N, C-alpha and C. Protein backbone atom coordinates (compact mmCIF):
# COMPACT_ATOMS: atom_id res chain seq x y z
N MET A 1 34.87 146.39 145.38
CA MET A 1 33.43 146.26 145.40
C MET A 1 32.83 147.65 145.60
N LYS A 2 32.02 148.08 144.70
CA LYS A 2 31.53 149.45 144.74
C LYS A 2 30.48 149.71 145.81
N ASN A 3 29.85 148.68 146.37
CA ASN A 3 28.82 148.92 147.38
C ASN A 3 29.30 148.70 148.81
N PHE A 4 30.60 148.43 149.01
CA PHE A 4 31.16 148.27 150.35
C PHE A 4 31.18 149.61 151.07
N ILE A 5 30.75 149.62 152.33
CA ILE A 5 30.71 150.86 153.11
C ILE A 5 31.78 150.87 154.19
N SER A 6 31.82 149.84 155.04
CA SER A 6 32.81 149.80 156.13
C SER A 6 32.87 148.40 156.71
N GLN A 7 33.85 148.17 157.60
CA GLN A 7 33.97 146.90 158.31
C GLN A 7 32.79 146.68 159.26
N GLY A 8 32.19 147.77 159.72
CA GLY A 8 31.04 147.66 160.62
C GLY A 8 31.42 147.52 162.08
N ASN A 9 32.66 147.86 162.42
CA ASN A 9 33.10 147.76 163.81
C ASN A 9 32.66 148.94 164.66
N THR A 10 32.32 150.04 164.01
CA THR A 10 31.87 151.23 164.72
C THR A 10 30.64 151.80 164.03
N LEU A 11 29.94 152.64 164.76
CA LEU A 11 28.77 153.32 164.23
C LEU A 11 28.84 154.78 164.65
N THR A 12 28.83 155.67 163.69
CA THR A 12 28.76 157.10 163.98
C THR A 12 27.29 157.49 163.95
N PHE A 13 26.84 158.19 165.00
CA PHE A 13 25.42 158.53 165.12
C PHE A 13 25.27 159.86 165.85
N THR A 14 24.08 160.42 165.76
CA THR A 14 23.73 161.62 166.53
C THR A 14 22.99 161.17 167.77
N ASN A 15 23.47 161.57 168.92
CA ASN A 15 22.89 161.15 170.20
C ASN A 15 21.56 161.85 170.44
N ASP A 16 20.49 161.16 170.10
CA ASP A 16 19.15 161.68 170.37
C ASP A 16 18.45 160.85 171.44
N THR A 17 19.25 160.28 172.36
CA THR A 17 18.71 159.43 173.42
C THR A 17 18.06 160.22 174.54
N GLY A 18 18.29 161.53 174.58
CA GLY A 18 17.74 162.36 175.64
C GLY A 18 18.68 162.57 176.80
N ALA A 19 19.90 162.02 176.71
CA ALA A 19 20.88 162.18 177.79
C ALA A 19 22.28 162.03 177.21
N PRO A 20 23.28 162.64 177.86
CA PRO A 20 24.66 162.43 177.40
C PRO A 20 25.08 160.98 177.64
N ILE A 21 26.04 160.50 176.85
CA ILE A 21 26.58 159.15 177.01
C ILE A 21 28.05 159.30 177.34
N SER A 22 28.47 158.74 178.46
CA SER A 22 29.87 158.84 178.90
C SER A 22 30.75 157.86 178.15
N SER A 23 31.99 158.25 177.93
CA SER A 23 32.99 157.39 177.31
C SER A 23 33.06 156.06 178.07
N GLY A 24 33.01 154.96 177.34
CA GLY A 24 33.09 153.64 177.95
C GLY A 24 31.77 153.08 178.43
N SER A 25 30.71 153.86 178.30
CA SER A 25 29.38 153.40 178.72
C SER A 25 28.69 152.69 177.57
N GLY A 26 27.81 151.77 177.93
CA GLY A 26 27.01 151.08 176.93
C GLY A 26 25.84 151.93 176.49
N ALA A 27 25.41 151.70 175.25
CA ALA A 27 24.24 152.40 174.72
C ALA A 27 23.51 151.48 173.75
N LEU A 28 22.20 151.49 173.84
CA LEU A 28 21.36 150.70 172.96
C LEU A 28 20.58 151.64 172.04
N LEU A 29 20.80 151.47 170.74
CA LEU A 29 20.11 152.27 169.72
C LEU A 29 19.22 151.32 168.93
N GLY A 30 17.96 151.26 169.26
CA GLY A 30 17.08 150.27 168.64
C GLY A 30 17.54 148.89 169.05
N THR A 31 18.03 148.11 168.09
CA THR A 31 18.56 146.78 168.41
C THR A 31 20.08 146.73 168.35
N ILE A 32 20.72 147.86 168.13
CA ILE A 32 22.18 147.91 168.04
C ILE A 32 22.76 148.36 169.38
N PHE A 33 23.67 147.53 169.94
CA PHE A 33 24.35 147.88 171.19
C PHE A 33 25.80 148.19 170.90
N GLY A 34 26.33 149.20 171.58
CA GLY A 34 27.74 149.52 171.46
C GLY A 34 28.25 150.23 172.69
N VAL A 35 29.55 150.45 172.71
CA VAL A 35 30.22 151.14 173.81
C VAL A 35 30.76 152.46 173.28
N ALA A 36 30.44 153.54 173.96
CA ALA A 36 30.84 154.88 173.52
C ALA A 36 32.36 155.00 173.49
N ALA A 37 32.89 155.44 172.34
CA ALA A 37 34.33 155.62 172.18
C ALA A 37 34.83 156.89 172.86
N GLY A 38 33.94 157.78 173.17
CA GLY A 38 34.25 159.04 173.86
C GLY A 38 32.96 159.60 174.43
N ASP A 39 33.06 160.67 175.18
CA ASP A 39 31.86 161.32 175.69
C ASP A 39 31.02 161.83 174.52
N ILE A 40 29.71 161.61 174.59
CA ILE A 40 28.82 162.05 173.52
C ILE A 40 27.70 162.88 174.15
N ALA A 41 27.77 164.18 173.93
CA ALA A 41 26.74 165.07 174.48
C ALA A 41 25.41 164.83 173.77
N GLU A 42 24.34 165.22 174.44
CA GLU A 42 23.03 165.12 173.82
C GLU A 42 23.00 165.95 172.53
N ASN A 43 22.45 165.38 171.48
CA ASN A 43 22.34 165.99 170.15
C ASN A 43 23.67 166.19 169.44
N ALA A 44 24.74 165.58 169.95
CA ALA A 44 26.06 165.65 169.31
C ALA A 44 26.34 164.33 168.59
N SER A 45 27.26 164.38 167.64
CA SER A 45 27.68 163.19 166.93
C SER A 45 28.73 162.45 167.75
N GLY A 46 28.68 161.12 167.72
CA GLY A 46 29.65 160.32 168.45
C GLY A 46 29.80 158.95 167.82
N ILE A 47 30.71 158.16 168.39
CA ILE A 47 31.03 156.84 167.85
C ILE A 47 30.77 155.78 168.90
N LEU A 48 30.08 154.71 168.48
CA LEU A 48 29.92 153.52 169.30
C LEU A 48 30.79 152.42 168.72
N ASN A 49 31.53 151.72 169.59
CA ASN A 49 32.25 150.52 169.19
C ASN A 49 31.27 149.36 169.30
N LEU A 50 31.14 148.58 168.24
CA LEU A 50 30.16 147.50 168.19
C LEU A 50 30.76 146.13 168.46
N VAL A 51 32.07 146.01 168.42
CA VAL A 51 32.75 144.74 168.66
C VAL A 51 33.91 144.96 169.62
N GLY A 52 34.40 143.87 170.18
CA GLY A 52 35.52 143.94 171.11
C GLY A 52 35.11 143.46 172.49
N THR A 53 36.06 143.50 173.42
CA THR A 53 35.81 143.09 174.81
C THR A 53 35.96 144.30 175.70
N TYR A 54 34.98 144.50 176.58
CA TYR A 54 34.93 145.69 177.44
C TYR A 54 34.57 145.30 178.86
N GLU A 55 35.04 146.09 179.81
CA GLU A 55 34.61 145.96 181.20
C GLU A 55 33.43 146.92 181.37
N LEU A 56 32.27 146.37 181.68
CA LEU A 56 31.04 147.15 181.74
C LEU A 56 30.36 146.98 183.09
N ALA A 57 29.53 147.96 183.43
CA ALA A 57 28.74 147.88 184.67
C ALA A 57 27.80 146.68 184.59
N LYS A 58 27.64 145.99 185.73
CA LYS A 58 26.74 144.84 185.80
C LYS A 58 25.89 144.91 187.06
N ALA A 59 24.85 144.11 187.08
CA ALA A 59 24.02 144.00 188.28
C ALA A 59 24.86 143.34 189.37
N PRO A 60 25.05 143.99 190.54
CA PRO A 60 25.93 143.44 191.57
C PRO A 60 25.44 142.13 192.17
N SER A 61 24.18 141.82 192.09
CA SER A 61 23.64 140.61 192.71
C SER A 61 23.84 139.36 191.87
N GLU A 62 24.41 139.49 190.69
CA GLU A 62 24.54 138.37 189.77
C GLU A 62 25.98 137.89 189.64
N ALA A 63 26.15 136.58 189.72
CA ALA A 63 27.44 135.96 189.42
C ALA A 63 27.40 135.52 187.96
N TRP A 64 28.53 135.68 187.26
CA TRP A 64 28.63 135.24 185.87
C TRP A 64 29.70 134.17 185.77
N SER A 65 29.48 133.20 184.90
CA SER A 65 30.50 132.20 184.58
C SER A 65 31.10 132.54 183.22
N LEU A 66 32.29 132.03 182.98
CA LEU A 66 32.95 132.24 181.69
C LEU A 66 32.05 131.74 180.57
N GLY A 67 31.82 132.57 179.58
CA GLY A 67 31.03 132.18 178.43
C GLY A 67 29.53 132.38 178.58
N ALA A 68 29.09 132.84 179.75
CA ALA A 68 27.66 133.05 179.97
C ALA A 68 27.13 134.16 179.07
N ALA A 69 25.90 134.01 178.61
CA ALA A 69 25.26 135.05 177.82
C ALA A 69 25.08 136.30 178.67
N VAL A 70 25.34 137.46 178.07
CA VAL A 70 25.21 138.74 178.77
C VAL A 70 24.21 139.60 177.99
N TYR A 71 23.32 140.23 178.73
CA TYR A 71 22.26 141.06 178.16
C TYR A 71 22.40 142.49 178.67
N TRP A 72 21.80 143.43 177.94
CA TRP A 72 21.79 144.83 178.35
C TRP A 72 20.42 145.18 178.89
N ASP A 73 20.39 145.66 180.13
CA ASP A 73 19.17 146.18 180.75
C ASP A 73 19.14 147.67 180.46
N ASN A 74 18.34 148.08 179.50
CA ASN A 74 18.35 149.47 179.06
C ASN A 74 17.67 150.41 180.06
N THR A 75 16.89 149.87 180.98
CA THR A 75 16.28 150.69 182.03
C THR A 75 17.31 151.02 183.10
N ALA A 76 18.03 149.99 183.58
CA ALA A 76 19.04 150.17 184.63
C ALA A 76 20.38 150.62 184.07
N LYS A 77 20.56 150.51 182.75
CA LYS A 77 21.80 150.89 182.07
C LYS A 77 23.00 150.08 182.57
N HIS A 78 22.79 148.76 182.70
CA HIS A 78 23.90 147.88 183.04
C HIS A 78 23.67 146.49 182.43
N CYS A 79 24.72 145.67 182.48
CA CYS A 79 24.65 144.31 181.97
C CYS A 79 24.01 143.40 183.00
N THR A 80 23.43 142.32 182.49
CA THR A 80 22.74 141.36 183.34
C THR A 80 22.79 139.98 182.69
N ASN A 81 22.52 138.95 183.49
CA ASN A 81 22.39 137.61 182.92
C ASN A 81 20.92 137.23 182.74
N VAL A 82 20.02 138.19 182.92
CA VAL A 82 18.58 137.98 182.78
C VAL A 82 18.16 138.32 181.34
N ALA A 83 17.59 137.34 180.65
CA ALA A 83 17.19 137.54 179.26
C ALA A 83 15.88 138.30 179.12
N THR A 84 14.96 138.10 180.04
CA THR A 84 13.61 138.67 179.93
C THR A 84 13.65 140.19 179.84
N ASP A 85 13.05 140.73 178.78
CA ASP A 85 12.94 142.17 178.54
C ASP A 85 14.28 142.87 178.32
N ASN A 86 15.35 142.11 178.06
CA ASN A 86 16.67 142.69 177.84
C ASN A 86 17.22 142.26 176.49
N THR A 87 18.31 142.89 176.04
CA THR A 87 18.89 142.65 174.72
C THR A 87 20.21 141.91 174.83
N LEU A 88 20.34 140.78 174.14
CA LEU A 88 21.59 140.02 174.12
C LEU A 88 22.68 140.87 173.49
N ILE A 89 23.81 141.04 174.21
CA ILE A 89 24.91 141.86 173.66
C ILE A 89 26.21 141.09 173.51
N GLY A 90 26.35 139.92 174.17
CA GLY A 90 27.59 139.19 174.06
C GLY A 90 27.72 138.11 175.11
N ALA A 91 28.98 137.82 175.49
CA ALA A 91 29.27 136.76 176.45
C ALA A 91 30.33 137.21 177.44
N ALA A 92 30.25 136.68 178.65
CA ALA A 92 31.23 136.98 179.69
C ALA A 92 32.57 136.34 179.32
N THR A 93 33.66 137.10 179.45
CA THR A 93 34.98 136.56 179.11
C THR A 93 35.74 136.10 180.34
N GLU A 94 35.14 136.24 181.51
CA GLU A 94 35.69 135.66 182.73
C GLU A 94 34.58 135.58 183.77
N ALA A 95 34.77 134.68 184.73
CA ALA A 95 33.80 134.55 185.82
C ALA A 95 33.91 135.77 186.73
N VAL A 96 32.78 136.16 187.30
CA VAL A 96 32.75 137.28 188.24
C VAL A 96 31.71 136.96 189.31
N GLY A 97 32.00 137.39 190.54
CA GLY A 97 31.12 137.11 191.66
C GLY A 97 29.84 137.92 191.64
N GLY A 98 28.96 137.58 192.57
CA GLY A 98 27.67 138.25 192.67
C GLY A 98 27.51 139.03 193.95
N GLY A 99 28.62 139.48 194.53
CA GLY A 99 28.56 140.26 195.76
C GLY A 99 28.29 141.73 195.50
N ALA A 100 28.03 142.46 196.56
CA ALA A 100 27.70 143.89 196.45
C ALA A 100 28.82 144.69 195.78
N ALA A 101 30.06 144.25 195.92
CA ALA A 101 31.20 144.98 195.34
C ALA A 101 31.49 144.55 193.90
N ASP A 102 30.82 143.51 193.42
CA ASP A 102 31.05 142.99 192.07
C ASP A 102 30.16 143.72 191.07
N ILE A 103 30.59 144.92 190.69
CA ILE A 103 29.76 145.79 189.85
C ILE A 103 30.26 145.91 188.42
N LEU A 104 31.34 145.21 188.07
CA LEU A 104 31.89 145.24 186.72
C LEU A 104 32.08 143.82 186.20
N GLY A 105 31.86 143.64 184.91
CA GLY A 105 32.10 142.35 184.29
C GLY A 105 32.70 142.56 182.91
N LYS A 106 33.51 141.60 182.46
CA LYS A 106 34.13 141.69 181.13
C LYS A 106 33.24 140.97 180.12
N VAL A 107 32.92 141.72 179.04
CA VAL A 107 31.97 141.23 178.04
C VAL A 107 32.57 141.34 176.65
N ARG A 108 32.51 140.25 175.90
CA ARG A 108 32.86 140.29 174.48
C ARG A 108 31.56 140.56 173.74
N LEU A 109 31.50 141.70 173.06
CA LEU A 109 30.30 142.07 172.33
C LEU A 109 30.10 141.14 171.14
N ASN A 110 28.86 140.76 170.90
CA ASN A 110 28.59 139.85 169.78
C ASN A 110 28.52 140.58 168.44
N GLY A 111 28.44 141.91 168.47
CA GLY A 111 28.48 142.68 167.23
C GLY A 111 27.29 142.46 166.32
N SER A 112 26.25 141.83 166.84
CA SER A 112 25.06 141.60 166.01
C SER A 112 23.85 142.26 166.64
N PHE A 113 22.74 142.11 166.02
CA PHE A 113 21.52 142.74 166.51
C PHE A 113 20.84 141.84 167.52
N GLY A 114 20.27 142.47 168.58
CA GLY A 114 19.57 141.72 169.63
C GLY A 114 18.28 141.30 169.16
């Protein structure tokens, strides 16, 4: 097929977000969410993974159940179960507590636009 470009699992972009993006961190570009495949300096080219399952920072006060919808809070730069003013990025792949030490959650990215 002559118009095929790629599988769409990754996105190469120039980081014009105004800040560096650390490897393994989430990033929202318009309505596209991904996880940085490596450190991406400001104004440098980098790769976001758009699909897969990742352990990402989450709001410590929230408990998640398996399969719960997960959103990206682009202000706080972490995952949340709160839909209001946030972007749907995927689903929790395991339950996680809501205690002060529960700052990471496993998320399967939905690979689609929020």
